[in-house]
Amino acid sequence: MPARKADETSKSAVRKTAERTKAQGEAATTLPEAMTGRASPAKAAVGDKPVFAYIASLPQPQRGIAERVDALAAETLPGLQRSVKWGMSYYGVGDGWCFCCGGFAGHVKLMFINGAALEPVPPVTPVGMGRSTRGVELQSVDDLDERQIAAWMKQVASVPGVGGKKR
């Protein structure tokens, strides 16, 4: 009898594990790779086309947010350069990359390289993006404070070695 009970318990554990694995598999197939909490599998490439393709691959509302951030960057920074790096869109001017924008489940992260030096300092300190990187997490286009974000874009682009010319 005890052998039978252990056998039933192990079958139950296997069934629950299989159900959990199946549920995780379904979530992975319905959620684009970029939205899983990890960077997207978008290949690194320099230029406008790869960034536009990356943004187009995002689901709504992340796509709309990323499109507006991209348009705001183009309006704000003359000589804007775009690239896809580490599965996110990167933006820069001059001799460096200034900020990045990436889609994740439920939000878009807009992160400023050397953001700790911005005024006011953006509120989010991302994990694994460097000690001085700061930014914002946007859940809808309405969360975009375009005036503040444009000010941060201008500030970070003027820093030598990050976005501006080296002195």
C-alpha atoms as a PDB file:
ATOM      1  CA  MET A   1       0.000   0.000   0.000  1.00  0.00           C
ATOM      2  CA  PRO A   2       2.696   2.625   0.820  1.00  0.00           C
ATOM      3  CA  ALA A   3       4.362   1.923  -2.541  1.00  0.00           C
ATOM      4  CA  ARG A   4       1.089   2.665  -4.302  1.00  0.00           C
ATOM      5  CA  LYS A   5       0.662   5.969  -2.405  1.00  0.00           C
ATOM      6  CA  ALA A   6       4.178   7.089  -3.352  1.00  0.00           C
ATOM      7  CA  ASP A   7       3.438   6.133  -6.951  1.00  0.00           C
ATOM      8  CA  GLU A   8       0.218   8.234  -6.943  1.00  0.00           C
ATOM      9  CA  THR A   9       2.065  11.172  -5.361  1.00  0.00           C
ATOM     10  CA  SER A  10       4.805  11.071  -7.994  1.00  0.00           C
ATOM     11  CA  LYS A  11       2.196  10.874 -10.803  1.00  0.00           C
ATOM     12  CA  SER A  12       0.468  13.930  -9.320  1.00  0.00           C
ATOM     13  CA  ALA A  13       3.762  15.810  -9.132  1.00  0.00           C
ATOM     14  CA  VAL A  14       4.578  14.889 -12.740  1.00  0.00           C
ATOM     15  CA  ARG A  15       1.088  15.985 -13.877  1.00  0.00           C
ATOM     16  CA  LYS A  16       1.416  19.356 -12.075  1.00  0.00           C
ATOM     17  CA  THR A  17       4.896  19.891 -13.527  1.00  0.00           C
ATOM     18  CA  ALA A  18       3.616  19.063 -17.012  1.00  0.00           C
ATOM     19  CA  GLU A  19       0.691  21.484 -16.594  1.00  0.00           C
ATOM     20  CA  ARG A  20       3.059  24.234 -15.407  1.00  0.00           C
ATOM     21  CA  THR A  21       5.473  23.577 -18.297  1.00  0.00           C
ATOM     22  CA  LYS A  22       2.595  23.600 -20.791  1.00  0.00           C
ATOM     23  CA  ALA A  23       1.291  26.899 -19.362  1.00  0.00           C
ATOM     24  CA  GLN A  24       4.771  28.417 -19.543  1.00  0.00           C
ATOM     25  CA  GLY A  25       5.111  27.214 -23.148  1.00  0.00           C
ATOM     26  CA  GLU A  26       1.770  28.773 -24.073  1.00  0.00           C
ATOM     27  CA  ALA A  27       2.782  32.072 -22.457  1.00  0.00           C
ATOM     28  CA  ALA A  28       6.055  32.045 -24.360  1.00  0.00           C
ATOM     29  CA  THR A  29       4.322  31.445 -27.675  1.00  0.00           C
ATOM     30  CA  THR A  30       1.775  34.209 -27.156  1.00  0.00           C
ATOM     31  CA  LEU A  31       4.246  36.772 -25.800  1.00  0.00           C
ATOM     32  CA  PRO A  32       6.877  38.098 -28.223  1.00  0.00           C
ATOM     33  CA  GLU A  33      10.436  37.381 -27.114  1.00  0.00           C
ATOM     34  CA  ALA A  34      11.056  41.096 -26.486  1.00  0.00           C
ATOM     35  CA  MET A  35       8.313  41.100 -23.891  1.00  0.00           C
ATOM     36  CA  THR A  36       9.579  38.325 -21.626  1.00  0.00           C
ATOM     37  CA  GLY A  37      11.710  40.481 -19.359  1.00  0.00           C
ATOM     38  CA  ARG A  38      14.796  39.756 -21.425  1.00  0.00           C
ATOM     39  CA  ALA A  39      16.025  41.767 -24.367  1.00  0.00           C
ATOM     40  CA  SER A  40      14.542  40.792 -27.705  1.00  0.00           C
ATOM     41  CA  PRO A  41      16.411  38.541 -30.123  1.00  0.00           C
ATOM     42  CA  ALA A  42      16.666  41.448 -32.601  1.00  0.00           C
ATOM     43  CA  LYS A  43      20.104  41.269 -34.199  1.00  0.00           C
ATOM     44  CA  ALA A  44      22.556  44.093 -33.652  1.00  0.00           C
ATOM     45  CA  ALA A  45      22.549  46.422 -36.633  1.00  0.00           C
ATOM     46  CA  VAL A  46      23.282  50.088 -37.235  1.00  0.00           C
ATOM     47  CA  GLY A  47      20.804  52.363 -38.973  1.00  0.00           C
ATOM     48  CA  ASP A  48      17.227  53.487 -39.133  1.00  0.00           C
ATOM     49  CA  LYS A  49      15.771  50.383 -40.834  1.00  0.00           C
ATOM     50  CA  PRO A  50      16.721  47.887 -38.082  1.00  0.00           C
ATOM     51  CA  VAL A  51      15.313  50.213 -35.405  1.00  0.00           C
ATOM     52  CA  PHE A  52      12.075  50.724 -37.329  1.00  0.00           C
ATOM     53  CA  ALA A  53      11.798  46.933 -37.808  1.00  0.00           C
ATOM     54  CA  TYR A  54      12.402  46.353 -34.084  1.00  0.00           C
ATOM     55  CA  ILE A  55       9.733  48.894 -33.132  1.00  0.00           C
ATOM     56  CA  ALA A  56       7.282  47.392 -35.657  1.00  0.00           C
ATOM     57  CA  SER A  57       7.801  43.961 -34.036  1.00  0.00           C
ATOM     58  CA  LEU A  58       6.469  45.168 -30.679  1.00  0.00           C
ATOM     59  CA  PRO A  59       2.817  44.609 -29.731  1.00  0.00           C
ATOM     60  CA  GLN A  60       0.564  47.490 -28.723  1.00  0.00           C
ATOM     61  CA  PRO A  61       0.742  49.544 -26.555  1.00  0.00           C
ATOM     62  CA  GLN A  62       4.538  49.132 -26.469  1.00  0.00           C
ATOM     63  CA  ARG A  63       4.809  49.804 -30.213  1.00  0.00           C
ATOM     64  CA  GLY A  64       2.943  53.121 -29.930  1.00  0.00           C
ATOM     65  CA  ILE A  65       5.119  54.205 -27.008  1.00  0.00           C
ATOM     66  CA  ALA A  66       8.358  53.272 -28.815  1.00  0.00           C
ATOM     67  CA  GLU A  67       7.182  55.021 -32.000  1.00  0.00           C
ATOM     68  CA  ARG A  68       6.504  58.221 -30.049  1.00  0.00           C
ATOM     69  CA  VAL A  69       9.884  58.053 -28.253  1.00  0.00           C
ATOM     70  CA  ASP A  70      11.597  57.544 -31.629  1.00  0.00           C
ATOM     71  CA  ALA A  71       9.714  60.488 -33.185  1.00  0.00           C
ATOM     72  CA  LEU A  72      10.495  62.694 -30.183  1.00  0.00           C
ATOM     73  CA  ALA A  73      14.189  61.815 -30.465  1.00  0.00           C
ATOM     74  CA  ALA A  74      14.168  62.699 -34.179  1.00  0.00           C
ATOM     75  CA  GLU A  75      12.440  66.038 -33.450  1.00  0.00           C
ATOM     76  CA  THR A  76      14.749  66.869 -30.534  1.00  0.00           C
ATOM     77  CA  LEU A  77      18.218  65.805 -31.666  1.00  0.00           C
ATOM     78  CA  PRO A  78      19.737  66.944 -34.967  1.00  0.00           C
ATOM     79  CA  GLY A  79      22.046  64.324 -36.443  1.00  0.00           C
ATOM     80  CA  LEU A  80      20.317  61.471 -34.608  1.00  0.00           C
ATOM     81  CA  GLN A  81      21.855  58.039 -35.137  1.00  0.00           C
ATOM     82  CA  ARG A  82      19.967  54.802 -34.513  1.00  0.00           C
ATOM     83  CA  SER A  83      21.057  51.237 -33.849  1.00  0.00           C
ATOM     84  CA  VAL A  84      19.770  47.975 -32.452  1.00  0.00           C
ATOM     85  CA  LYS A  85      22.035  46.701 -29.684  1.00  0.00           C
ATOM     86  CA  TRP A  86      21.369  44.078 -27.042  1.00  0.00           C
ATOM     87  CA  GLY A  87      17.818  43.634 -28.337  1.00  0.00           C
ATOM     88  CA  MET A  88      16.792  47.280 -27.867  1.00  0.00           C
ATOM     89  CA  SER A  89      16.858  50.460 -29.939  1.00  0.00           C
ATOM     90  CA  TYR A  90      19.779  52.774 -29.136  1.00  0.00           C
ATOM     91  CA  TYR A  91      20.014  56.447 -30.005  1.00  0.00           C
ATOM     92  CA  GLY A  92      22.999  58.765 -30.183  1.00  0.00           C
ATOM     93  CA  VAL A  93      24.593  61.825 -31.667  1.00  0.00           C
ATOM     94  CA  GLY A  94      28.226  62.689 -32.196  1.00  0.00           C
ATOM     95  CA  ASP A  95      30.553  60.020 -30.882  1.00  0.00           C
ATOM     96  CA  GLY A  96      28.377  57.981 -28.553  1.00  0.00           C
ATOM     97  CA  TRP A  97      25.075  56.397 -27.642  1.00  0.00           C
ATOM     98  CA  CYS A  98      22.894  58.494 -25.339  1.00  0.00           C
ATOM     99  CA  PHE A  99      19.816  56.430 -24.508  1.00  0.00           C
ATOM    100  CA  CYS A 100      17.944  53.261 -25.346  1.00  0.00           C
ATOM    101  CA  CYS A 101      14.327  52.207 -25.604  1.00  0.00           C
ATOM    102  CA  GLY A 102      13.077  48.648 -25.259  1.00  0.00           C
ATOM    103  CA  GLY A 103       9.726  46.893 -25.014  1.00  0.00           C
ATOM    104  CA  PHE A 104       8.947  44.588 -22.120  1.00  0.00           C
ATOM    105  CA  ALA A 105       5.796  42.922 -20.768  1.00  0.00           C
ATOM    106  CA  GLY A 106       3.497  45.730 -19.665  1.00  0.00           C
ATOM    107  CA  HIS A 107       5.836  48.657 -20.328  1.00  0.00           C
ATOM    108  CA  VAL A 108       8.622  50.278 -22.331  1.00  0.00           C
ATOM    109  CA  LYS A 109      11.911  51.158 -20.662  1.00  0.00           C
ATOM    110  CA  LEU A 110      13.542  54.408 -21.753  1.00  0.00           C
ATOM    111  CA  MET A 111      17.030  54.456 -20.231  1.00  0.00           C
ATOM    112  CA  PHE A 112      19.563  57.284 -20.331  1.00  0.00           C
ATOM    113  CA  ILE A 113      23.242  56.394 -20.276  1.00  0.00           C
ATOM    114  CA  ASN A 114      24.839  58.550 -17.581  1.00  0.00           C
ATOM    115  CA  GLY A 115      21.304  59.445 -16.490  1.00  0.00           C
ATOM    116  CA  ALA A 116      22.419  59.961 -12.883  1.00  0.00           C
ATOM    117  CA  ALA A 117      23.918  63.282 -14.054  1.00  0.00           C
ATOM    118  CA  LEU A 118      20.610  64.558 -15.502  1.00  0.00           C
ATOM    119  CA  GLU A 119      18.444  67.220 -13.870  1.00  0.00           C
ATOM    120  CA  PRO A 120      16.112  66.069 -12.478  1.00  0.00           C
ATOM    121  CA  VAL A 121      17.458  62.516 -12.203  1.00  0.00           C
ATOM    122  CA  PRO A 122      15.074  60.047 -13.911  1.00  0.00           C
ATOM    123  CA  PRO A 123      13.368  57.840 -11.295  1.00  0.00           C
ATOM    124  CA  VAL A 124      14.207  54.286 -12.449  1.00  0.00           C
ATOM    125  CA  THR A 125      17.575  52.624 -11.817  1.00  0.00           C
ATOM    126  CA  PRO A 126      17.672  49.582 -14.113  1.00  0.00           C
ATOM    127  CA  VAL A 127      19.306  46.311 -13.158  1.00  0.00           C
ATOM    128  CA  GLY A 128      22.352  45.327 -15.204  1.00  0.00           C
ATOM    129  CA  MET A 129      22.694  48.513 -17.281  1.00  0.00           C
ATOM    130  CA  GLY A 130      25.454  50.322 -15.416  1.00  0.00           C
ATOM    131  CA  ARG A 131      25.636  52.284 -12.181  1.00  0.00           C
ATOM    132  CA  SER A 132      24.881  55.671 -13.714  1.00  0.00           C
ATOM    133  CA  THR A 133      22.058  54.636 -16.072  1.00  0.00           C
ATOM    134  CA  ARG A 134      18.641  56.022 -15.142  1.00  0.00           C
ATOM    135  CA  GLY A 135      15.315  56.167 -16.901  1.00  0.00           C
ATOM    136  CA  VAL A 136      11.568  55.767 -16.888  1.00  0.00           C
ATOM    137  CA  GLU A 137       9.130  52.916 -17.429  1.00  0.00           C
ATOM    138  CA  LEU A 138       6.186  53.865 -19.627  1.00  0.00           C
ATOM    139  CA  GLN A 139       2.965  51.845 -19.650  1.00  0.00           C
ATOM    140  CA  SER A 140       1.096  54.012 -22.159  1.00  0.00           C
ATOM    141  CA  VAL A 141       1.685  56.916 -24.535  1.00  0.00           C
ATOM    142  CA  ASP A 142      -0.112  59.079 -21.954  1.00  0.00           C
ATOM    143  CA  ASP A 143       2.761  58.403 -19.506  1.00  0.00           C
ATOM    144  CA  LEU A 144       5.155  60.273 -21.815  1.00  0.00           C
ATOM    145  CA  ASP A 145       6.046  63.663 -20.384  1.00  0.00           C
ATOM    146  CA  GLU A 146       7.397  64.816 -23.749  1.00  0.00           C
ATOM    147  CA  ARG A 147       8.763  68.090 -22.421  1.00  0.00           C
ATOM    148  CA  GLN A 148      10.779  66.357 -19.669  1.00  0.00           C
ATOM    149  CA  ILE A 149      11.959  63.521 -21.900  1.00  0.00           C
ATOM    150  CA  ALA A 150      13.076  65.972 -24.611  1.00  0.00           C
ATOM    151  CA  ALA A 151      14.993  67.932 -21.942  1.00  0.00           C
ATOM    152  CA  TRP A 152      16.729  64.732 -20.797  1.00  0.00           C
ATOM    153  CA  MET A 153      17.525  63.821 -24.426  1.00  0.00           C
ATOM    154  CA  LYS A 154      19.178  67.232 -24.961  1.00  0.00           C
ATOM    155  CA  GLN A 155      21.093  67.028 -21.671  1.00  0.00           C
ATOM    156  CA  VAL A 156      22.470  63.535 -22.245  1.00  0.00           C
ATOM    157  CA  ALA A 157      23.379  64.298 -25.877  1.00  0.00           C
ATOM    158  CA  SER A 158      25.509  67.244 -24.757  1.00  0.00           C
ATOM    159  CA  VAL A 159      27.771  65.168 -22.478  1.00  0.00           C
ATOM    160  CA  PRO A 160      31.227  64.627 -24.065  1.00  0.00           C
ATOM    161  CA  GLY A 161      31.954  60.973 -24.762  1.00  0.00           C
ATOM    162  CA  VAL A 162      28.332  59.951 -24.327  1.00  0.00           C
ATOM    163  CA  GLY A 163      26.603  61.910 -27.027  1.00  0.00           C
ATOM    164  CA  GLY A 164      28.574  65.051 -27.670  1.00  0.00           C
ATOM    165  CA  LYS A 165      31.933  65.750 -29.252  1.00  0.00           C
ATOM    166  CA  LYS A 166      35.006  64.896 -27.192  1.00  0.00           C
ATOM    167  CA  ARG A 167      36.870  67.947 -25.951  1.00  0.00           C
END
